[in-house]
Amino acid sequence: MTTTQDAAPTFEELAAHVDELRDRVAHQDPSVQRLLEDTIEAITEFNRRGLVGLVHLLRTDERGGELLYEAVEQPEVMALFVSHGIIRTDRTIDVLRVVEQIRPYLVTSSIEMSVESVRGDVAYVRFATGCSAPDQVTKDEIMGVIMQRVPGLKGVEEVVDGPGKTFIGLDTISVGRPPE
């Protein structure tokens, strides 16, 4: 990621860069992957403890509490607190955020997908059917990305409609020869 000194990267650019680096690490030798994971875990815990201390300090003062509420309105601060477990979010929101992150891929690939619900630790998604339906490999890849990016999610399942039920009025059914 390259930026000029005048233009700091946006939150979205930073998040995309983190995702890019995570993907690059996944293709490294397992020993390198483990070393990087251990390093990230140590830095994350170090930062988490500092943030927890800061939050406790801010909560002891009335103005500090107000500042804390103002701070979490910024997506960067909210993401930092959520990623360190300081603020917990509903998994539905987490799943929807991930879907929004991958929306450009879905749009450019002409894939229609919606989140039907999140119950417990399982997300239920629906893909378009017919000619615009993606193949199973693509569906599995998308569901895998959602599961990988949402902490605590144990599964992503596709909601598939069963055979359609058609209503046929009784007055349209006749027995015997068709009328002439």
C-alpha atoms as a PDB file:
ATOM      1  CA  MET A   1       0.000   0.000   0.000  1.00  0.00           C
ATOM      2  CA  THR A   2       1.482   3.307  -1.035  1.00  0.00           C
ATOM      3  CA  THR A   3       0.278   6.693   0.120  1.00  0.00           C
ATOM      4  CA  THR A   4       1.632  10.168  -0.100  1.00  0.00           C
ATOM      5  CA  GLN A   5       2.471  12.088   3.044  1.00  0.00           C
ATOM      6  CA  ASP A   6      -0.483  14.412   2.416  1.00  0.00           C
ATOM      7  CA  ALA A   7      -3.059  11.666   1.877  1.00  0.00           C
ATOM      8  CA  ALA A   8      -3.359   9.163   4.693  1.00  0.00           C
ATOM      9  CA  PRO A   9      -5.080   5.933   3.703  1.00  0.00           C
ATOM     10  CA  THR A  10      -8.806   5.734   4.400  1.00  0.00           C
ATOM     11  CA  PHE A  11     -10.259   3.229   6.855  1.00  0.00           C
ATOM     12  CA  GLU A  12     -11.497   1.133   3.926  1.00  0.00           C
ATOM     13  CA  GLU A  13      -8.047   1.158   2.291  1.00  0.00           C
ATOM     14  CA  LEU A  14      -6.409   0.087   5.554  1.00  0.00           C
ATOM     15  CA  ALA A  15      -8.939  -2.731   6.007  1.00  0.00           C
ATOM     16  CA  ALA A  16      -8.385  -3.889   2.416  1.00  0.00           C
ATOM     17  CA  HIS A  17      -4.618  -3.842   2.997  1.00  0.00           C
ATOM     18  CA  VAL A  18      -4.980  -5.964   6.146  1.00  0.00           C
ATOM     19  CA  ASP A  19      -7.095  -8.463   4.171  1.00  0.00           C
ATOM     20  CA  GLU A  20      -4.486  -8.512   1.389  1.00  0.00           C
ATOM     21  CA  LEU A  21      -1.678  -9.184   3.856  1.00  0.00           C
ATOM     22  CA  ARG A  22      -3.716 -11.917   5.569  1.00  0.00           C
ATOM     23  CA  ASP A  23      -4.229 -13.592   2.189  1.00  0.00           C
ATOM     24  CA  ARG A  24      -0.518 -13.343   1.370  1.00  0.00           C
ATOM     25  CA  VAL A  25       0.432 -14.908   4.708  1.00  0.00           C
ATOM     26  CA  ALA A  26      -1.884 -17.838   3.978  1.00  0.00           C
ATOM     27  CA  HIS A  27       0.407 -18.786   1.077  1.00  0.00           C
ATOM     28  CA  GLN A  28       3.605 -18.869   3.143  1.00  0.00           C
ATOM     29  CA  ASP A  29       5.462 -21.814   4.644  1.00  0.00           C
ATOM     30  CA  PRO A  30       3.611 -23.125   7.758  1.00  0.00           C
ATOM     31  CA  SER A  31       6.501 -22.173  10.067  1.00  0.00           C
ATOM     32  CA  VAL A  32       6.436 -18.603   8.740  1.00  0.00           C
ATOM     33  CA  GLN A  33       2.645 -18.539   9.117  1.00  0.00           C
ATOM     34  CA  ARG A  34       2.906 -19.652  12.762  1.00  0.00           C
ATOM     35  CA  LEU A  35       5.607 -17.068  13.548  1.00  0.00           C
ATOM     36  CA  LEU A  36       3.481 -14.301  12.029  1.00  0.00           C
ATOM     37  CA  GLU A  37       0.363 -15.512  13.876  1.00  0.00           C
ATOM     38  CA  ASP A  38       2.251 -15.573  17.204  1.00  0.00           C
ATOM     39  CA  THR A  39       3.602 -12.078  16.549  1.00  0.00           C
ATOM     40  CA  ILE A  40       0.143 -10.737  15.710  1.00  0.00           C
ATOM     41  CA  GLU A  41      -1.363 -12.390  18.807  1.00  0.00           C
ATOM     42  CA  ALA A  42       1.297 -10.821  21.058  1.00  0.00           C
ATOM     43  CA  ILE A  43       0.841  -7.346  19.549  1.00  0.00           C
ATOM     44  CA  THR A  44      -2.941  -7.688  19.690  1.00  0.00           C
ATOM     45  CA  GLU A  45      -2.904  -8.640  23.388  1.00  0.00           C
ATOM     46  CA  PHE A  46      -0.484  -5.793  24.147  1.00  0.00           C
ATOM     47  CA  ASN A  47      -2.818  -3.308  22.398  1.00  0.00           C
ATOM     48  CA  ARG A  48      -5.952  -4.817  23.987  1.00  0.00           C
ATOM     49  CA  ARG A  49      -4.582  -4.334  27.503  1.00  0.00           C
ATOM     50  CA  GLY A  50      -3.698  -0.731  26.745  1.00  0.00           C
ATOM     51  CA  LEU A  51      -7.147  -0.055  25.311  1.00  0.00           C
ATOM     52  CA  VAL A  52      -8.908  -1.697  28.270  1.00  0.00           C
ATOM     53  CA  GLY A  53      -6.889   0.507  30.629  1.00  0.00           C
ATOM     54  CA  LEU A  54      -7.794   3.596  28.615  1.00  0.00           C
ATOM     55  CA  VAL A  55     -11.506   2.702  28.604  1.00  0.00           C
ATOM     56  CA  HIS A  56     -11.496   2.119  32.386  1.00  0.00           C
ATOM     57  CA  LEU A  57      -9.786   5.469  32.924  1.00  0.00           C
ATOM     58  CA  LEU A  58     -12.273   7.290  30.678  1.00  0.00           C
ATOM     59  CA  ARG A  59     -15.231   5.674  32.449  1.00  0.00           C
ATOM     60  CA  THR A  60     -14.123   7.073  35.822  1.00  0.00           C
ATOM     61  CA  ASP A  61     -14.799  10.629  34.670  1.00  0.00           C
ATOM     62  CA  GLU A  62     -18.156  11.977  33.446  1.00  0.00           C
ATOM     63  CA  ARG A  63     -16.593  13.848  30.515  1.00  0.00           C
ATOM     64  CA  GLY A  64     -14.431  10.818  29.738  1.00  0.00           C
ATOM     65  CA  GLY A  65     -17.553   8.667  29.364  1.00  0.00           C
ATOM     66  CA  GLU A  66     -19.034  11.214  26.946  1.00  0.00           C
ATOM     67  CA  LEU A  67     -15.814  11.249  24.938  1.00  0.00           C
ATOM     68  CA  LEU A  68     -15.807   7.478  24.851  1.00  0.00           C
ATOM     69  CA  TYR A  69     -19.342   7.430  23.400  1.00  0.00           C
ATOM     70  CA  GLU A  70     -18.311  10.034  20.810  1.00  0.00           C
ATOM     71  CA  ALA A  71     -15.194   8.029  19.942  1.00  0.00           C
ATOM     72  CA  VAL A  72     -17.076   4.813  19.183  1.00  0.00           C
ATOM     73  CA  GLU A  73     -19.106   6.655  16.543  1.00  0.00           C
ATOM     74  CA  GLN A  74     -15.940   6.667  14.421  1.00  0.00           C
ATOM     75  CA  PRO A  75     -15.733   3.404  12.434  1.00  0.00           C
ATOM     76  CA  GLU A  76     -12.018   3.056  13.128  1.00  0.00           C
ATOM     77  CA  VAL A  77     -12.477   3.275  16.896  1.00  0.00           C
ATOM     78  CA  MET A  78     -15.505   0.982  16.857  1.00  0.00           C
ATOM     79  CA  ALA A  79     -13.621  -1.596  14.763  1.00  0.00           C
ATOM     80  CA  LEU A  80     -10.655  -1.411  17.143  1.00  0.00           C
ATOM     81  CA  PHE A  81     -12.836  -1.957  20.207  1.00  0.00           C
ATOM     82  CA  VAL A  82     -14.795  -4.766  18.545  1.00  0.00           C
ATOM     83  CA  SER A  83     -11.673  -6.541  17.299  1.00  0.00           C
ATOM     84  CA  HIS A  84     -10.200  -6.490  20.821  1.00  0.00           C
ATOM     85  CA  GLY A  85     -13.410  -7.714  22.452  1.00  0.00           C
ATOM     86  CA  ILE A  86     -14.009  -4.469  24.335  1.00  0.00           C
ATOM     87  CA  ILE A  87     -17.371  -3.975  22.620  1.00  0.00           C
ATOM     88  CA  ARG A  88     -19.398  -6.965  21.512  1.00  0.00           C
ATOM     89  CA  THR A  89     -21.589  -6.821  18.443  1.00  0.00           C
ATOM     90  CA  ASP A  90     -24.401  -8.984  17.251  1.00  0.00           C
ATOM     91  CA  ARG A  91     -23.199 -11.604  14.756  1.00  0.00           C
ATOM     92  CA  THR A  92     -25.869 -10.473  12.307  1.00  0.00           C
ATOM     93  CA  ILE A  93     -24.155  -7.101  12.060  1.00  0.00           C
ATOM     94  CA  ASP A  94     -20.792  -8.827  11.657  1.00  0.00           C
ATOM     95  CA  VAL A  95     -22.115 -11.030   8.838  1.00  0.00           C
ATOM     96  CA  LEU A  96     -23.716  -8.050   7.092  1.00  0.00           C
ATOM     97  CA  ARG A  97     -20.453  -6.087   7.343  1.00  0.00           C
ATOM     98  CA  VAL A  98     -18.534  -8.919   5.704  1.00  0.00           C
ATOM     99  CA  VAL A  99     -21.126  -9.200   2.937  1.00  0.00           C
ATOM    100  CA  GLU A 100     -20.747  -5.460   2.315  1.00  0.00           C
ATOM    101  CA  GLN A 101     -16.958  -5.909   2.150  1.00  0.00           C
ATOM    102  CA  ILE A 102     -17.305  -8.591  -0.538  1.00  0.00           C
ATOM    103  CA  ARG A 103     -20.204  -6.850  -2.336  1.00  0.00           C
ATOM    104  CA  PRO A 104     -17.911  -5.436  -5.087  1.00  0.00           C
ATOM    105  CA  TYR A 105     -16.814  -8.994  -5.936  1.00  0.00           C
ATOM    106  CA  LEU A 106     -20.433 -10.186  -5.949  1.00  0.00           C
ATOM    107  CA  VAL A 107     -21.526  -7.332  -8.209  1.00  0.00           C
ATOM    108  CA  THR A 108     -18.667  -7.729 -10.704  1.00  0.00           C
ATOM    109  CA  SER A 109     -19.322 -11.484 -10.803  1.00  0.00           C
ATOM    110  CA  SER A 110     -23.096 -10.934 -11.225  1.00  0.00           C
ATOM    111  CA  ILE A 111     -23.805 -12.954  -8.092  1.00  0.00           C
ATOM    112  CA  GLU A 112     -26.989 -12.212  -6.202  1.00  0.00           C
ATOM    113  CA  MET A 113     -26.859 -13.204  -2.561  1.00  0.00           C
ATOM    114  CA  SER A 114     -28.740 -12.144   0.549  1.00  0.00           C
ATOM    115  CA  VAL A 115     -28.415 -12.880   4.243  1.00  0.00           C
ATOM    116  CA  GLU A 116     -31.653 -14.504   5.377  1.00  0.00           C
ATOM    117  CA  SER A 117     -30.822 -14.722   9.079  1.00  0.00           C
ATOM    118  CA  VAL A 118     -28.179 -15.425  11.684  1.00  0.00           C
ATOM    119  CA  ARG A 119     -29.249 -17.782  14.430  1.00  0.00           C
ATOM    120  CA  GLY A 120     -26.757 -18.543  17.146  1.00  0.00           C
ATOM    121  CA  ASP A 121     -23.450 -19.221  15.481  1.00  0.00           C
ATOM    122  CA  VAL A 122     -24.823 -20.091  12.008  1.00  0.00           C
ATOM    123  CA  ALA A 123     -25.548 -17.659   9.160  1.00  0.00           C
ATOM    124  CA  TYR A 124     -28.149 -18.542   6.546  1.00  0.00           C
ATOM    125  CA  VAL A 125     -27.689 -17.085   3.061  1.00  0.00           C
ATOM    126  CA  ARG A 126     -29.687 -17.311  -0.157  1.00  0.00           C
ATOM    127  CA  PHE A 127     -28.279 -17.215  -3.679  1.00  0.00           C
ATOM    128  CA  ALA A 128     -30.214 -16.372  -6.829  1.00  0.00           C
ATOM    129  CA  THR A 129     -31.511 -19.357  -8.749  1.00  0.00           C
ATOM    130  CA  GLY A 130     -31.836 -20.117 -12.432  1.00  0.00           C
ATOM    131  CA  CYS A 131     -29.411 -18.691 -14.981  1.00  0.00           C
ATOM    132  CA  SER A 132     -27.934 -16.203 -12.509  1.00  0.00           C
ATOM    133  CA  ALA A 133     -27.127 -18.854  -9.886  1.00  0.00           C
ATOM    134  CA  PRO A 134     -23.414 -19.283  -9.146  1.00  0.00           C
ATOM    135  CA  ASP A 135     -21.885 -22.748  -9.269  1.00  0.00           C
ATOM    136  CA  GLN A 136     -21.405 -24.694  -6.040  1.00  0.00           C
ATOM    137  CA  VAL A 137     -17.646 -24.025  -5.890  1.00  0.00           C
ATOM    138  CA  THR A 138     -18.274 -20.269  -5.981  1.00  0.00           C
ATOM    139  CA  LYS A 139     -21.010 -20.556  -3.341  1.00  0.00           C
ATOM    140  CA  ASP A 140     -18.682 -22.565  -1.086  1.00  0.00           C
ATOM    141  CA  GLU A 141     -15.916 -19.983  -1.556  1.00  0.00           C
ATOM    142  CA  ILE A 142     -18.210 -17.076  -0.641  1.00  0.00           C
ATOM    143  CA  MET A 143     -19.621 -18.897   2.396  1.00  0.00           C
ATOM    144  CA  GLY A 144     -16.059 -19.773   3.458  1.00  0.00           C
ATOM    145  CA  VAL A 145     -15.004 -16.116   3.315  1.00  0.00           C
ATOM    146  CA  ILE A 146     -17.958 -15.125   5.495  1.00  0.00           C
ATOM    147  CA  MET A 147     -17.150 -17.836   8.028  1.00  0.00           C
ATOM    148  CA  GLN A 148     -13.450 -16.930   8.059  1.00  0.00           C
ATOM    149  CA  ARG A 149     -14.072 -13.225   8.639  1.00  0.00           C
ATOM    150  CA  VAL A 150     -16.781 -13.433  11.331  1.00  0.00           C
ATOM    151  CA  PRO A 151     -15.329 -14.421  14.704  1.00  0.00           C
ATOM    152  CA  GLY A 152     -17.243 -17.179  16.467  1.00  0.00           C
ATOM    153  CA  LEU A 153     -19.288 -18.147  13.435  1.00  0.00           C
ATOM    154  CA  LYS A 154     -19.447 -21.961  13.228  1.00  0.00           C
ATOM    155  CA  GLY A 155     -21.208 -22.298   9.889  1.00  0.00           C
ATOM    156  CA  VAL A 156     -22.743 -20.642   6.861  1.00  0.00           C
ATOM    157  CA  GLU A 157     -25.589 -22.544   5.268  1.00  0.00           C
ATOM    158  CA  GLU A 158     -27.417 -21.944   2.034  1.00  0.00           C
ATOM    159  CA  VAL A 159     -31.183 -21.590   2.226  1.00  0.00           C
ATOM    160  CA  VAL A 160     -32.673 -23.511  -0.664  1.00  0.00           C
ATOM    161  CA  ASP A 161     -36.330 -23.401  -1.567  1.00  0.00           C
ATOM    162  CA  GLY A 162     -38.010 -26.760  -1.857  1.00  0.00           C
ATOM    163  CA  PRO A 163     -40.215 -27.682  -4.774  1.00  0.00           C
ATOM    164  CA  GLY A 164     -42.699 -24.914  -5.420  1.00  0.00           C
ATOM    165  CA  LYS A 165     -46.317 -25.335  -4.447  1.00  0.00           C
ATOM    166  CA  THR A 166     -48.775 -24.266  -7.079  1.00  0.00           C
ATOM    167  CA  PHE A 167     -52.370 -23.442  -6.325  1.00  0.00           C
ATOM    168  CA  ILE A 168     -54.812 -24.789  -8.867  1.00  0.00           C
ATOM    169  CA  GLY A 169     -58.397 -23.746  -8.459  1.00  0.00           C
ATOM    170  CA  LEU A 170     -60.856 -26.627  -8.155  1.00  0.00           C
ATOM    171  CA  ASP A 171     -63.073 -25.066 -10.828  1.00  0.00           C
ATOM    172  CA  THR A 172     -60.305 -25.595 -13.397  1.00  0.00           C
ATOM    173  CA  ILE A 173     -60.154 -29.362 -12.841  1.00  0.00           C
ATOM    174  CA  SER A 174     -62.518 -31.661 -14.637  1.00  0.00           C
ATOM    175  CA  VAL A 175     -62.900 -35.400 -14.773  1.00  0.00           C
ATOM    176  CA  GLY A 176     -63.586 -37.200 -18.022  1.00  0.00           C
ATOM    177  CA  ARG A 177     -63.400 -35.977 -21.591  1.00  0.00           C
ATOM    178  CA  PRO A 178     -62.563 -32.359 -22.224  1.00  0.00           C
ATOM    179  CA  PRO A 179     -65.579 -30.253 -23.186  1.00  0.00           C
ATOM    180  CA  GLU A 180     -66.101 -29.780 -26.920  1.00  0.00           C
END
